[in-house]
Amino acid sequence: MNISRSEQRALHVLALGGRILHERGAGRKIVDVTCVTREGMILDDCDLRTFQSLRRKRLIESRNGAPYTISYRGRRSVRAQLDNQGGTKC
């Protein structure tokens, strides 16, 4: 499965315990998303287009209106990296 760099970053954040908060507008459609790390920092790279792509590929899921988290399929798809800096060493 082809996963873009921004999708990969979002999946890494979610795999480490992060979540995607969503806001619904008129008509119950999702109009804004915010990807939050486990520590409470916001991932700037995750936008509505990235969110929709992850959802379409079923890499993230939400249950009963809760924030979106990584799905089993997403955990299987994420590539292991030393850190979230694109493979650079510390």
PDB file of N, CA and C in Angstrom:
ATOM      1  N   MET A   1       0.841  -1.176   0.000  1.00  0.00           N
ATOM      2  CA  MET A   1       0.000   0.000   0.000  1.00  0.00           C
ATOM      3  C   MET A   1       0.884   1.236   0.000  1.00  0.00           C
ATOM      4  N   ASN A   2       0.568   2.201  -0.831  1.00  0.00           N
ATOM      5  CA  ASN A   2       1.320   3.440  -0.900  1.00  0.00           C
ATOM      6  C   ASN A   2       0.837   4.399   0.177  1.00  0.00           C
ATOM      7  N   ILE A   3       1.769   4.829   1.022  1.00  0.00           N
ATOM      8  CA  ILE A   3       1.455   5.766   2.095  1.00  0.00           C
ATOM      9  C   ILE A   3       2.391   6.956   1.944  1.00  0.00           C
ATOM     10  N   SER A   4       1.827   8.147   1.847  1.00  0.00           N
ATOM     11  CA  SER A   4       2.639   9.346   1.657  1.00  0.00           C
ATOM     12  C   SER A   4       3.411   9.679   2.934  1.00  0.00           C
ATOM     13  N   ARG A   5       4.343  10.598   2.813  1.00  0.00           N
ATOM     14  CA  ARG A   5       5.171  10.987   3.950  1.00  0.00           C
ATOM     15  C   ARG A   5       4.341  11.614   5.071  1.00  0.00           C
ATOM     16  N   SER A   6       3.390  12.473   4.729  1.00  0.00           N
ATOM     17  CA  SER A   6       2.559  13.102   5.762  1.00  0.00           C
ATOM     18  C   SER A   6       1.652  12.074   6.433  1.00  0.00           C
ATOM     19  N   GLU A   7       1.156  11.105   5.657  1.00  0.00           N
ATOM     20  CA  GLU A   7       0.344  10.034   6.239  1.00  0.00           C
ATOM     21  C   GLU A   7       1.197   9.183   7.178  1.00  0.00           C
ATOM     22  N   GLN A   8       2.432   8.923   6.779  1.00  0.00           N
ATOM     23  CA  GLN A   8       3.346   8.129   7.600  1.00  0.00           C
ATOM     24  C   GLN A   8       3.638   8.835   8.917  1.00  0.00           C
ATOM     25  N   ARG A   9       3.853  10.151   8.871  1.00  0.00           N
ATOM     26  CA  ARG A   9       4.099  10.909  10.101  1.00  0.00           C
ATOM     27  C   ARG A   9       2.905  10.854  11.037  1.00  0.00           C
ATOM     28  N   ALA A  10       1.714  11.018  10.476  1.00  0.00           N
ATOM     29  CA  ALA A  10       0.501  10.960  11.292  1.00  0.00           C
ATOM     30  C   ALA A  10       0.334   9.574  11.910  1.00  0.00           C
ATOM     31  N   LEU A  11       0.600   8.529  11.153  1.00  0.00           N
ATOM     32  CA  LEU A  11       0.491   7.172  11.683  1.00  0.00           C
ATOM     33  C   LEU A  11       1.501   6.929  12.807  1.00  0.00           C
ATOM     34  N   HIS A  12       2.702   7.489  12.688  1.00  0.00           N
ATOM     35  CA  HIS A  12       3.694   7.341  13.750  1.00  0.00           C
ATOM     36  C   HIS A  12       3.201   7.986  15.044  1.00  0.00           C
ATOM     37  N   VAL A  13       2.630   9.179  14.922  1.00  0.00           N
ATOM     38  CA  VAL A  13       2.105   9.873  16.102  1.00  0.00           C
ATOM     39  C   VAL A  13       0.988   9.055  16.734  1.00  0.00           C
ATOM     40  N   LEU A  14       0.104   8.518  15.910  1.00  0.00           N
ATOM     41  CA  LEU A  14      -1.007   7.720  16.421  1.00  0.00           C
ATOM     42  C   LEU A  14      -0.519   6.411  17.034  1.00  0.00           C
ATOM     43  N   ALA A  15       0.504   5.803  16.438  1.00  0.00           N
ATOM     44  CA  ALA A  15       1.040   4.547  16.966  1.00  0.00           C
ATOM     45  C   ALA A  15       1.686   4.750  18.331  1.00  0.00           C
ATOM     46  N   LEU A  16       2.170   5.950  18.590  1.00  0.00           N
ATOM     47  CA  LEU A  16       2.798   6.249  19.877  1.00  0.00           C
ATOM     48  C   LEU A  16       1.792   6.763  20.908  1.00  0.00           C
ATOM     49  N   GLY A  17       0.507   6.663  20.619  1.00  0.00           N
ATOM     50  CA  GLY A  17      -0.511   7.038  21.593  1.00  0.00           C
ATOM     51  C   GLY A  17      -1.226   8.340  21.303  1.00  0.00           C
ATOM     52  N   GLY A  18      -1.004   8.921  20.134  1.00  0.00           N
ATOM     53  CA  GLY A  18      -1.677  10.161  19.784  1.00  0.00           C
ATOM     54  C   GLY A  18      -3.098   9.913  19.314  1.00  0.00           C
ATOM     55  N   ARG A  19      -3.782  11.009  18.967  1.00  0.00           N
ATOM     56  CA  ARG A  19      -5.157  10.902  18.475  1.00  0.00           C
ATOM     57  C   ARG A  19      -5.455  12.063  17.545  1.00  0.00           C
ATOM     58  N   ILE A  20      -6.484  11.902  16.742  1.00  0.00           N
ATOM     59  CA  ILE A  20      -6.917  12.967  15.841  1.00  0.00           C
ATOM     60  C   ILE A  20      -8.271  13.461  16.320  1.00  0.00           C
ATOM     61  N   LEU A  21      -8.309  14.718  16.727  1.00  0.00           N
ATOM     62  CA  LEU A  21      -9.550  15.341  17.155  1.00  0.00           C
ATOM     63  C   LEU A  21     -10.241  15.916  15.926  1.00  0.00           C
ATOM     64  N   HIS A  22     -11.549  15.759  15.845  1.00  0.00           N
ATOM     65  CA  HIS A  22     -12.275  16.232  14.672  1.00  0.00           C
ATOM     66  C   HIS A  22     -13.434  17.133  15.089  1.00  0.00           C
ATOM     67  N   GLU A  23     -13.773  18.069  14.202  1.00  0.00           N
ATOM     68  CA  GLU A  23     -14.909  18.965  14.413  1.00  0.00           C
ATOM     69  C   GLU A  23     -15.873  18.801  13.260  1.00  0.00           C
ATOM     70  N   ARG A  24     -17.129  18.729  13.587  1.00  0.00           N
ATOM     71  CA  ARG A  24     -18.165  18.579  12.569  1.00  0.00           C
ATOM     72  C   ARG A  24     -18.852  19.919  12.337  1.00  0.00           C
ATOM     73  N   GLY A  25     -19.177  20.163  11.079  1.00  0.00           N
ATOM     74  CA  GLY A  25     -19.877  21.375  10.708  1.00  0.00           C
ATOM     75  C   GLY A  25     -21.344  21.088  10.449  1.00  0.00           C
ATOM     76  N   ALA A  26     -21.989  22.009   9.770  1.00  0.00           N
ATOM     77  CA  ALA A  26     -23.389  21.819   9.398  1.00  0.00           C
ATOM     78  C   ALA A  26     -23.480  20.637   8.441  1.00  0.00           C
ATOM     79  N   GLY A  27     -24.466  19.822   8.614  1.00  0.00           N
ATOM     80  CA  GLY A  27     -24.596  18.642   7.774  1.00  0.00           C
ATOM     81  C   GLY A  27     -23.816  17.460   8.299  1.00  0.00           C
ATOM     82  N   ARG A  28     -23.240  17.589   9.508  1.00  0.00           N
ATOM     83  CA  ARG A  28     -22.527  16.501  10.185  1.00  0.00           C
ATOM     84  C   ARG A  28     -21.255  16.049   9.465  1.00  0.00           C
ATOM     85  N   LYS A  29     -20.734  16.854   8.537  1.00  0.00           N
ATOM     86  CA  LYS A  29     -19.475  16.512   7.869  1.00  0.00           C
ATOM     87  C   LYS A  29     -18.303  17.026   8.687  1.00  0.00           C
ATOM     88  N   ILE A  30     -17.197  16.295   8.629  1.00  0.00           N
ATOM     89  CA  ILE A  30     -15.993  16.708   9.338  1.00  0.00           C
ATOM     90  C   ILE A  30     -15.355  17.857   8.567  1.00  0.00           C
ATOM     91  N   VAL A  31     -15.165  18.990   9.244  1.00  0.00           N
ATOM     92  CA  VAL A  31     -14.641  20.178   8.579  1.00  0.00           C
ATOM     93  C   VAL A  31     -13.241  20.560   9.046  1.00  0.00           C
ATOM     94  N   ASP A  32     -12.808  20.048  10.204  1.00  0.00           N
ATOM     95  CA  ASP A  32     -11.483  20.408  10.704  1.00  0.00           C
ATOM     96  C   ASP A  32     -10.940  19.268  11.559  1.00  0.00           C
ATOM     97  N   VAL A  33      -9.642  19.017  11.441  1.00  0.00           N
ATOM     98  CA  VAL A  33      -8.989  17.974  12.228  1.00  0.00           C
ATOM     99  C   VAL A  33      -7.716  18.526  12.864  1.00  0.00           C
ATOM    100  N   THR A  34      -7.372  17.979  14.029  1.00  0.00           N
ATOM    101  CA  THR A  34      -6.149  18.335  14.731  1.00  0.00           C
ATOM    102  C   THR A  34      -5.518  17.052  15.243  1.00  0.00           C
ATOM    103  N   CYS A  35      -4.290  16.798  14.832  1.00  0.00           N
ATOM    104  CA  CYS A  35      -3.568  15.606  15.268  1.00  0.00           C
ATOM    105  C   CYS A  35      -2.743  15.978  16.502  1.00  0.00           C
ATOM    106  N   VAL A  36      -3.023  15.300  17.616  1.00  0.00           N
ATOM    107  CA  VAL A  36      -2.395  15.616  18.891  1.00  0.00           C
ATOM    108  C   VAL A  36      -1.557  14.429  19.337  1.00  0.00           C
ATOM    109  N   THR A  37      -0.310  14.697  19.748  1.00  0.00           N
ATOM    110  CA  THR A  37       0.560  13.634  20.234  1.00  0.00           C
ATOM    111  C   THR A  37       0.168  13.249  21.651  1.00  0.00           C
ATOM    112  N   ARG A  38       0.763  12.194  22.144  1.00  0.00           N
ATOM    113  CA  ARG A  38       0.493  11.729  23.502  1.00  0.00           C
ATOM    114  C   ARG A  38       0.857  12.799  24.531  1.00  0.00           C
ATOM    115  N   GLU A  39       1.886  13.610  24.232  1.00  0.00           N
ATOM    116  CA  GLU A  39       2.334  14.661  25.146  1.00  0.00           C
ATOM    117  C   GLU A  39       1.509  15.929  25.046  1.00  0.00           C
ATOM    118  N   GLY A  40       0.595  16.008  24.071  1.00  0.00           N
ATOM    119  CA  GLY A  40      -0.259  17.180  23.913  1.00  0.00           C
ATOM    120  C   GLY A  40       0.204  18.161  22.852  1.00  0.00           C
ATOM    121  N   MET A  41       1.253  17.836  22.119  1.00  0.00           N
ATOM    122  CA  MET A  41       1.732  18.715  21.052  1.00  0.00           C
ATOM    123  C   MET A  41       0.908  18.466  19.792  1.00  0.00           C
ATOM    124  N   ILE A  42       0.823  19.458  18.924  1.00  0.00           N
ATOM    125  CA  ILE A  42       0.021  19.359  17.708  1.00  0.00           C
ATOM    126  C   ILE A  42       0.929  19.097  16.516  1.00  0.00           C
ATOM    127  N   LEU A  43       0.577  18.089  15.715  1.00  0.00           N
ATOM    128  CA  LEU A  43       1.298  17.786  14.489  1.00  0.00           C
ATOM    129  C   LEU A  43       0.774  18.704  13.393  1.00  0.00           C
ATOM    130  N   ASP A  44       1.639  19.563  12.881  1.00  0.00           N
ATOM    131  CA  ASP A  44       1.237  20.564  11.900  1.00  0.00           C
ATOM    132  C   ASP A  44       1.001  19.958  10.519  1.00  0.00           C
ATOM    133  N   ASP A  45       1.582  18.808  10.258  1.00  0.00           N
ATOM    134  CA  ASP A  45       1.556  18.193   8.929  1.00  0.00           C
ATOM    135  C   ASP A  45       0.222  17.508   8.597  1.00  0.00           C
ATOM    136  N   CYS A  46      -0.593  17.250   9.597  1.00  0.00           N
ATOM    137  CA  CYS A  46      -1.836  16.509   9.398  1.00  0.00           C
ATOM    138  C   CYS A  46      -2.974  17.484   9.092  1.00  0.00           C
ATOM    139  N   ASP A  47      -3.468  17.451   7.867  1.00  0.00           N
ATOM    140  CA  ASP A  47      -4.576  18.318   7.480  1.00  0.00           C
ATOM    141  C   ASP A  47      -5.786  17.468   7.095  1.00  0.00           C
ATOM    142  N   LEU A  48      -6.840  18.118   6.639  1.00  0.00           N
ATOM    143  CA  LEU A  48      -8.081  17.418   6.318  1.00  0.00           C
ATOM    144  C   LEU A  48      -7.891  16.417   5.176  1.00  0.00           C
ATOM    145  N   ARG A  49      -7.062  16.762   4.202  1.00  0.00           N
ATOM    146  CA  ARG A  49      -6.812  15.868   3.075  1.00  0.00           C
ATOM    147  C   ARG A  49      -6.087  14.600   3.527  1.00  0.00           C
ATOM    148  N   THR A  50      -5.088  14.748   4.385  1.00  0.00           N
ATOM    149  CA  THR A  50      -4.362  13.598   4.926  1.00  0.00           C
ATOM    150  C   THR A  50      -5.295  12.727   5.765  1.00  0.00           C
ATOM    151  N   PHE A  51      -6.122  13.377   6.569  1.00  0.00           N
ATOM    152  CA  PHE A  51      -7.081  12.657   7.410  1.00  0.00           C
ATOM    153  C   PHE A  51      -8.041  11.822   6.560  1.00  0.00           C
ATOM    154  N   GLN A  52      -8.583  12.431   5.510  1.00  0.00           N
ATOM    155  CA  GLN A  52      -9.526  11.716   4.650  1.00  0.00           C
ATOM    156  C   GLN A  52      -8.856  10.540   3.944  1.00  0.00           C
ATOM    157  N   SER A  53      -7.612  10.708   3.562  1.00  0.00           N
ATOM    158  CA  SER A  53      -6.878   9.631   2.912  1.00  0.00           C
ATOM    159  C   SER A  53      -6.647   8.469   3.875  1.00  0.00           C
ATOM    160  N   LEU A  54      -6.263   8.785   5.120  1.00  0.00           N
ATOM    161  CA  LEU A  54      -6.063   7.736   6.121  1.00  0.00           C
ATOM    162  C   LEU A  54      -7.371   7.011   6.415  1.00  0.00           C
ATOM    163  N   ARG A  55      -8.446   7.759   6.466  1.00  0.00           N
ATOM    164  CA  ARG A  55      -9.749   7.151   6.740  1.00  0.00           C
ATOM    165  C   ARG A  55     -10.221   6.281   5.586  1.00  0.00           C
ATOM    166  N   ARG A  56     -10.000   6.760   4.364  1.00  0.00           N
ATOM    167  CA  ARG A  56     -10.388   6.002   3.171  1.00  0.00           C
ATOM    168  C   ARG A  56      -9.632   4.674   3.091  1.00  0.00           C
ATOM    169  N   LYS A  57      -8.360   4.677   3.502  1.00  0.00           N
ATOM    170  CA  LYS A  57      -7.544   3.465   3.486  1.00  0.00           C
ATOM    171  C   LYS A  57      -7.781   2.588   4.719  1.00  0.00           C
ATOM    172  N   ARG A  58      -8.643   3.039   5.624  1.00  0.00           N
ATOM    173  CA  ARG A  58      -8.996   2.339   6.864  1.00  0.00           C
ATOM    174  C   ARG A  58      -7.792   2.128   7.777  1.00  0.00           C
ATOM    175  N   LEU A  59      -6.904   3.137   7.814  1.00  0.00           N
ATOM    176  CA  LEU A  59      -5.739   3.068   8.684  1.00  0.00           C
ATOM    177  C   LEU A  59      -6.022   3.697  10.043  1.00  0.00           C
ATOM    178  N   ILE A  60      -7.110   4.467  10.133  1.00  0.00           N
ATOM    179  CA  ILE A  60      -7.544   5.055  11.394  1.00  0.00           C
ATOM    180  C   ILE A  60      -9.008   4.733  11.602  1.00  0.00           C
ATOM    181  N   GLU A  61      -9.446   4.812  12.870  1.00  0.00           N
ATOM    182  CA  GLU A  61     -10.839   4.505  13.166  1.00  0.00           C
ATOM    183  C   GLU A  61     -11.296   5.293  14.384  1.00  0.00           C
ATOM    184  N   SER A  62     -12.605   5.487  14.464  1.00  0.00           N
ATOM    185  CA  SER A  62     -13.233   6.131  15.600  1.00  0.00           C
ATOM    186  C   SER A  62     -14.403   5.270  16.034  1.00  0.00           C
ATOM    187  N   ARG A  63     -14.585   5.175  17.319  1.00  0.00           N
ATOM    188  CA  ARG A  63     -15.703   4.383  17.838  1.00  0.00           C
ATOM    189  C   ARG A  63     -16.586   5.263  18.703  1.00  0.00           C
ATOM    190  N   ASN A  64     -17.876   5.289  18.375  1.00  0.00           N
ATOM    191  CA  ASN A  64     -18.881   6.034  19.146  1.00  0.00           C
ATOM    192  C   ASN A  64     -18.548   7.519  19.284  1.00  0.00           C
ATOM    193  N   GLY A  65     -18.035   8.131  18.239  1.00  0.00           N
ATOM    194  CA  GLY A  65     -17.760   9.566  18.241  1.00  0.00           C
ATOM    195  C   GLY A  65     -16.497   9.974  18.968  1.00  0.00           C
ATOM    196  N   ALA A  66     -15.691   9.022  19.390  1.00  0.00           N
ATOM    197  CA  ALA A  66     -14.441   9.325  20.087  1.00  0.00           C
ATOM    198  C   ALA A  66     -13.407   9.837  19.080  1.00  0.00           C
ATOM    199  N   PRO A  67     -12.298  10.431  19.557  1.00  0.00           N
ATOM    200  CA  PRO A  67     -11.236  10.844  18.631  1.00  0.00           C
ATOM    201  C   PRO A  67     -10.707   9.652  17.830  1.00  0.00           C
ATOM    202  N   TYR A  68     -10.202   9.936  16.639  1.00  0.00           N
ATOM    203  CA  TYR A  68      -9.678   8.887  15.765  1.00  0.00           C
ATOM    204  C   TYR A  68      -8.336   8.401  16.303  1.00  0.00           C
ATOM    205  N   THR A  69      -8.146   7.095  16.269  1.00  0.00           N
ATOM    206  CA  THR A  69      -6.896   6.466  16.668  1.00  0.00           C
ATOM    207  C   THR A  69      -6.463   5.511  15.561  1.00  0.00           C
ATOM    208  N   ILE A  70      -5.288   4.954  15.697  1.00  0.00           N
ATOM    209  CA  ILE A  70      -4.780   4.047  14.677  1.00  0.00           C
ATOM    210  C   ILE A  70      -5.532   2.715  14.751  1.00  0.00           C
ATOM    211  N   SER A  71      -5.818   2.140  13.619  1.00  0.00           N
ATOM    212  CA  SER A  71      -6.510   0.852  13.565  1.00  0.00           C
ATOM    213  C   SER A  71      -5.483  -0.277  13.505  1.00  0.00           C
ATOM    214  N   TYR A  72      -5.971  -1.493  13.575  1.00  0.00           N
ATOM    215  CA  TYR A  72      -5.087  -2.657  13.469  1.00  0.00           C
ATOM    216  C   TYR A  72      -4.365  -2.646  12.119  1.00  0.00           C
ATOM    217  N   ARG A  73      -5.118  -2.336  11.076  1.00  0.00           N
ATOM    218  CA  ARG A  73      -4.533  -2.266   9.735  1.00  0.00           C
ATOM    219  C   ARG A  73      -3.468  -1.166   9.665  1.00  0.00           C
ATOM    220  N   GLY A  74      -3.701  -0.049  10.352  1.00  0.00           N
ATOM    221  CA  GLY A  74      -2.730   1.036  10.389  1.00  0.00           C
ATOM    222  C   GLY A  74      -1.463   0.636  11.114  1.00  0.00           C
ATOM    223  N   ARG A  75      -1.607  -0.105  12.213  1.00  0.00           N
ATOM    224  CA  ARG A  75      -0.426  -0.582  12.941  1.00  0.00           C
ATOM    225  C   ARG A  75       0.405  -1.519  12.094  1.00  0.00           C
ATOM    226  N   ARG A  76      -0.251  -2.308  11.276  1.00  0.00           N
ATOM    227  CA  ARG A  76       0.469  -3.233  10.396  1.00  0.00           C
ATOM    228  C   ARG A  76       1.163  -2.488   9.250  1.00  0.00           C
ATOM    229  N   SER A  77       0.637  -1.327   8.857  1.00  0.00           N
ATOM    230  CA  SER A  77       1.150  -0.592   7.703  1.00  0.00           C
ATOM    231  C   SER A  77       2.265   0.383   8.039  1.00  0.00           C
ATOM    232  N   VAL A  78       2.342   0.822   9.278  1.00  0.00           N
ATOM    233  CA  VAL A  78       3.326   1.847   9.628  1.00  0.00           C
ATOM    234  C   VAL A  78       4.726   1.249   9.590  1.00  0.00           C
ATOM    235  N   ARG A  79       5.663   2.005   9.027  1.00  0.00           N
ATOM    236  CA  ARG A  79       7.048   1.558   8.948  1.00  0.00           C
ATOM    237  C   ARG A  79       7.772   1.931  10.236  1.00  0.00           C
ATOM    238  N   ALA A  80       8.581   1.030  10.741  1.00  0.00           N
ATOM    239  CA  ALA A  80       9.336   1.287  11.962  1.00  0.00           C
ATOM    240  C   ALA A  80      10.469   2.264  11.665  1.00  0.00           C
ATOM    241  N   GLN A  81      10.618   3.256  12.544  1.00  0.00           N
ATOM    242  CA  GLN A  81      11.707   4.221  12.431  1.00  0.00           C
ATOM    243  C   GLN A  81      12.268   4.466  13.827  1.00  0.00           C
ATOM    244  N   LEU A  82      13.523   4.898  13.879  1.00  0.00           N
ATOM    245  CA  LEU A  82      14.155   5.196  15.160  1.00  0.00           C
ATOM    246  C   LEU A  82      13.437   6.332  15.868  1.00  0.00           C
ATOM    247  N   ASP A  83      13.090   7.366  15.129  1.00  0.00           N
ATOM    248  CA  ASP A  83      12.340   8.491  15.679  1.00  0.00           C
ATOM    249  C   ASP A  83      11.429   9.040  14.595  1.00  0.00           C
ATOM    250  N   ASN A  84      10.764  10.129  14.876  1.00  0.00           N
ATOM    251  CA  ASN A  84       9.791  10.686  13.933  1.00  0.00           C
ATOM    252  C   ASN A  84      10.414  11.790  13.073  1.00  0.00           C
ATOM    253  N   GLN A  85      11.721  11.793  12.911  1.00  0.00           N
ATOM    254  CA  GLN A  85      12.401  12.829  12.148  1.00  0.00           C
ATOM    255  C   GLN A  85      12.792  12.369  10.761  1.00  0.00           C
ATOM    256  N   GLY A  86      12.123  11.373  10.231  1.00  0.00           N
ATOM    257  CA  GLY A  86      12.401  10.941   8.877  1.00  0.00           C
ATOM    258  C   GLY A  86      13.592  10.018   8.752  1.00  0.00           C
ATOM    259  N   GLY A  87      13.961   9.352   9.828  1.00  0.00           N
ATOM    260  CA  GLY A  87      15.044   8.383   9.772  1.00  0.00           C
ATOM    261  C   GLY A  87      16.399   8.942  10.135  1.00  0.00           C
ATOM    262  N   THR A  88      16.503  10.197  10.570  1.00  0.00           N
ATOM    263  CA  THR A  88      17.797  10.739  10.973  1.00  0.00           C
ATOM    264  C   THR A  88      18.148  10.251  12.360  1.00  0.00           C
ATOM    265  N   LYS A  89      19.426  10.098  12.607  1.00  0.00           N
ATOM    266  CA  LYS A  89      19.875   9.626  13.919  1.00  0.00           C
ATOM    267  C   LYS A  89      20.020  10.789  14.872  1.00  0.00           C
ATOM    268  N   CYS A  90      19.860  10.499  16.150  1.00  0.00           N
ATOM    269  CA  CYS A  90      19.962  11.536  17.188  1.00  0.00           C
ATOM    270  C   CYS A  90      21.391  11.935  17.441  1.00  0.00           C
TER     271      CYS A  90
END
